[in-house]
């Protein structure tokens, strides 16, 4: 006998699967399933950047440097699997900059383990500055907590450490947000004022999703993102 409840559950499951599979990549200007697929647009570079061990499939799509996203299906295991992002290179010393600001707006899943974060590089990647705008699941920063600071338009718990290749400064916003603006230069000058680095050369300002797990397939979307400097 046909079980109407089971049939309904099956129909819903099929519908959910269809929605999940209907990645915006199908209608996007650019998409890629290549682990290190990249696309240049408007002075920015959009990268899939699936670099961690044990990673599953990930498809990146983009309509512009500002509007892009990924469908990622990474297993529920530890360790970062990928950091899909959009990046703009600055290439100036801090002392030569009057302002560096950024705006972002994201749509993110309510499950999985990840952080929506800026990854900012300085002095040929000797220094890495991460700004965590939100986080979900079992994820955490490198190093130990140094302070709680209000700078760049947000309040953060600040961590300092090393990944073995470079120094890492992680600023974890004390509450999650999916949109806003950041005074990046103010954050960098705050680090400099602590004596943790000097008049470094600011390289790429990257923004994206540092994904540890997204089992079953999850969608991460940058509705808008931009970096301005002078």
Foldseek 3Di string as FASTA:
>chain_A
DDDPVVVVVVVVVVVVVVVLVVPCQVVAPDKDFDCFDWDDADQKIWTNFQDDPQFDTKMKGHNGLWWIKMKGAGAPDFDWGGWTKMKHWDFAWLVPWPFKKKKFAKDWDQDAWKFFWKWWAWAVRQETEIETQDTHDPDDDPADFDDWDDWFNAIFGWGWDDPVRHTYIYTYGPHHDRIDMGGVSRVVVVCCVVVVDHRITITMTITGMRGGHDHPITMMITRGMDMDID
